[in-house]
Amino acid sequence: MADMKAPAANEAGAERRRSHRVNIAMPILVRGKTSQAFQEETHTISVNAHGCVFRLATQVRRLQEIAIVNLKTVEELPCKVTFLGQKEGGKTEVGVEFSEPSPLFWRIAFPPEDWDPSERKRPGGSRPSANSTER
């Protein structure tokens, strides 16, 4: 996720991304050291095989080495901070990259490489519903 410019995917960024991003709130524990050791529970905003984005109250810096613990599996992976985004409610958006790709860390199925979300079928198709006012 080193190429991450903003947490919201855009078309140019999606082409450069190494793996598909999935927007999902997963409980994690973030561990690291600033002036002293810290650990903070939070949840992801999005995940991919190379890292994740989350909000953190503890101040971290770009390129800082930290660790992420998946609270559902208690698996821990080292990573580094690659992105610092908007602050909201006393928490900063943080993007991290794993030391090595780890798609199984999240225990979710990622979309295939050729998946195009713009081609996703909409529920109910494109026909107007029976309650539609268009006639």
Protein backbone atom coordinates (compact mmCIF):
# COMPACT_ATOMS: atom_id res chain seq x y z
CA MET A 1 0.00 0.00 0.00
CA ALA A 2 3.00 2.25 -0.38
CA ASP A 3 1.40 3.80 -3.45
CA MET A 4 -1.65 4.87 -1.43
CA LYS A 5 -2.35 8.58 -1.90
CA ALA A 6 -5.78 8.72 -0.29
CA PRO A 7 -8.01 6.17 1.42
CA ALA A 8 -10.72 6.45 -1.21
CA ALA A 9 -9.86 4.46 -4.32
CA ASN A 10 -9.80 6.35 -7.56
CA GLU A 11 -9.48 4.92 -11.06
CA ALA A 12 -5.79 5.77 -11.49
CA GLY A 13 -4.93 4.47 -8.01
CA ALA A 14 -6.91 1.27 -8.54
CA GLU A 15 -4.82 0.51 -11.65
CA ARG A 16 -1.56 0.88 -9.67
CA ARG A 17 -2.78 -1.04 -6.61
CA ARG A 18 -1.14 -4.43 -6.16
CA SER A 19 -4.25 -6.12 -4.72
CA HIS A 20 -7.94 -5.32 -4.43
CA ARG A 21 -9.02 -3.27 -1.46
CA VAL A 22 -12.06 -4.46 0.51
CA ASN A 23 -13.94 -1.99 2.70
CA ILE A 24 -14.55 -3.90 5.93
CA ALA A 25 -14.48 -3.08 9.66
CA MET A 26 -12.33 -5.75 11.31
CA PRO A 27 -11.19 -5.46 14.96
CA ILE A 28 -7.42 -5.00 15.29
CA LEU A 29 -4.85 -4.13 17.92
CA VAL A 30 -2.06 -1.76 16.90
CA ARG A 31 1.25 -2.01 18.78
CA GLY A 32 4.30 0.17 18.51
CA LYS A 33 6.63 2.58 20.20
CA THR A 34 6.62 6.36 20.13
CA SER A 35 8.30 7.95 23.16
CA GLN A 36 7.00 4.86 24.97
CA ALA A 37 5.35 1.58 23.99
CA PHE A 38 1.67 1.76 23.05
CA GLN A 39 -1.14 -0.51 22.03
CA GLU A 40 -4.55 0.61 20.85
CA GLU A 41 -7.65 -1.30 19.81
CA THR A 42 -9.38 -0.02 16.69
CA HIS A 43 -10.94 -1.45 13.53
CA THR A 44 -10.02 -1.37 9.88
CA ILE A 45 -11.64 0.87 7.30
CA SER A 46 -10.30 -1.19 4.41
CA VAL A 47 -7.94 -4.13 3.94
CA ASN A 48 -5.97 -5.76 1.15
CA ALA A 49 -3.28 -8.43 0.83
CA HIS A 50 -0.56 -5.82 1.43
CA GLY A 51 -1.95 -3.93 4.46
CA CYS A 52 -4.87 -1.87 5.69
CA VAL A 53 -6.26 1.55 6.61
CA PHE A 54 -7.63 2.40 10.08
CA ARG A 55 -8.09 5.34 12.47
CA LEU A 56 -5.72 5.73 15.42
CA ALA A 57 -5.67 8.15 18.39
CA THR A 58 -1.97 7.51 19.06
CA GLN A 59 0.29 9.75 16.98
CA VAL A 60 2.51 7.78 14.59
CA ARG A 61 4.80 8.96 11.78
CA ARG A 62 5.31 7.86 8.18
CA LEU A 63 7.72 4.91 7.81
CA GLN A 64 7.35 4.03 11.50
CA GLU A 65 7.51 0.28 12.21
CA ILE A 66 4.45 -1.00 14.08
CA ALA A 67 2.55 -4.30 14.41
CA ILE A 68 -1.07 -5.19 13.67
CA VAL A 69 -2.89 -7.96 15.55
CA ASN A 70 -6.00 -9.50 14.00
CA LEU A 71 -8.17 -9.78 17.12
CA LYS A 72 -10.27 -12.60 15.62
CA THR A 73 -7.24 -14.87 15.08
CA VAL A 74 -4.67 -13.24 17.44
CA GLU A 75 -2.19 -13.36 14.54
CA GLU A 76 0.32 -10.50 14.53
CA LEU A 77 2.19 -9.01 11.57
CA PRO A 78 4.90 -6.35 11.41
CA CYS A 79 4.20 -3.41 9.13
CA LYS A 80 5.17 0.20 8.48
CA VAL A 81 3.12 3.37 8.27
CA THR A 82 2.86 4.50 4.64
CA PHE A 83 0.03 7.03 4.80
CA LEU A 84 -1.30 9.60 7.27
CA GLY A 85 -4.66 11.09 6.34
CA GLN A 86 -7.43 13.22 7.76
CA LYS A 87 -7.95 13.68 11.48
CA GLU A 88 -11.51 13.14 12.69
CA GLY A 89 -12.79 12.86 16.25
CA GLY A 90 -9.25 12.90 17.67
CA LYS A 91 -8.14 10.00 15.46
CA THR A 92 -5.94 10.07 12.36
CA GLU A 93 -6.46 7.88 9.34
CA VAL A 94 -3.39 5.61 9.02
CA GLY A 95 -2.40 3.37 6.13
CA VAL A 96 0.09 0.57 6.73
CA GLU A 97 1.92 -1.94 4.56
CA PHE A 98 2.82 -5.42 5.76
CA SER A 99 6.49 -6.43 5.64
CA GLU A 100 5.42 -9.06 3.10
CA PRO A 101 2.07 -9.69 1.33
CA SER A 102 -0.29 -11.62 3.63
CA PRO A 103 -3.71 -12.15 2.01
CA LEU A 104 -4.62 -14.91 4.49
CA PHE A 105 -4.12 -12.61 7.50
CA TRP A 106 -7.67 -11.22 7.12
CA ARG A 107 -9.37 -14.61 6.60
CA ILE A 108 -11.60 -13.18 3.88
CA ALA A 109 -11.93 -13.91 0.16
CA PHE A 110 -10.59 -11.13 -2.04
CA PRO A 111 -12.15 -10.41 -5.45
CA PRO A 112 -10.31 -11.92 -8.45
CA GLU A 113 -7.73 -9.72 -10.23
CA ASP A 114 -10.02 -9.16 -13.24
CA TRP A 115 -12.99 -8.09 -11.07
CA ASP A 116 -14.52 -4.79 -12.16
CA PRO A 117 -16.92 -3.31 -9.57
CA SER A 118 -18.51 -1.09 -12.26
CA GLU A 119 -19.81 -4.25 -13.98
CA ARG A 120 -21.48 -5.51 -10.79
CA LYS A 121 -25.15 -6.36 -11.28
CA ARG A 122 -27.55 -4.12 -9.41
CA PRO A 123 -30.28 -5.77 -7.31
CA GLY A 124 -33.55 -5.98 -9.23
CA GLY A 125 -31.93 -5.29 -12.60
CA SER A 126 -32.38 -2.09 -14.57
CA ARG A 127 -36.15 -2.34 -15.01
CA PRO A 128 -38.33 0.15 -13.08
CA SER A 129 -39.99 -1.40 -10.06
CA ALA A 130 -43.74 -2.04 -9.91
CA ASN A 131 -44.01 0.93 -7.52
CA SER A 132 -42.23 3.26 -9.94
CA THR A 133 -44.03 6.48 -10.85
CA GLU A 134 -42.50 6.45 -14.34
CA ARG A 135 -45.10 5.37 -16.92
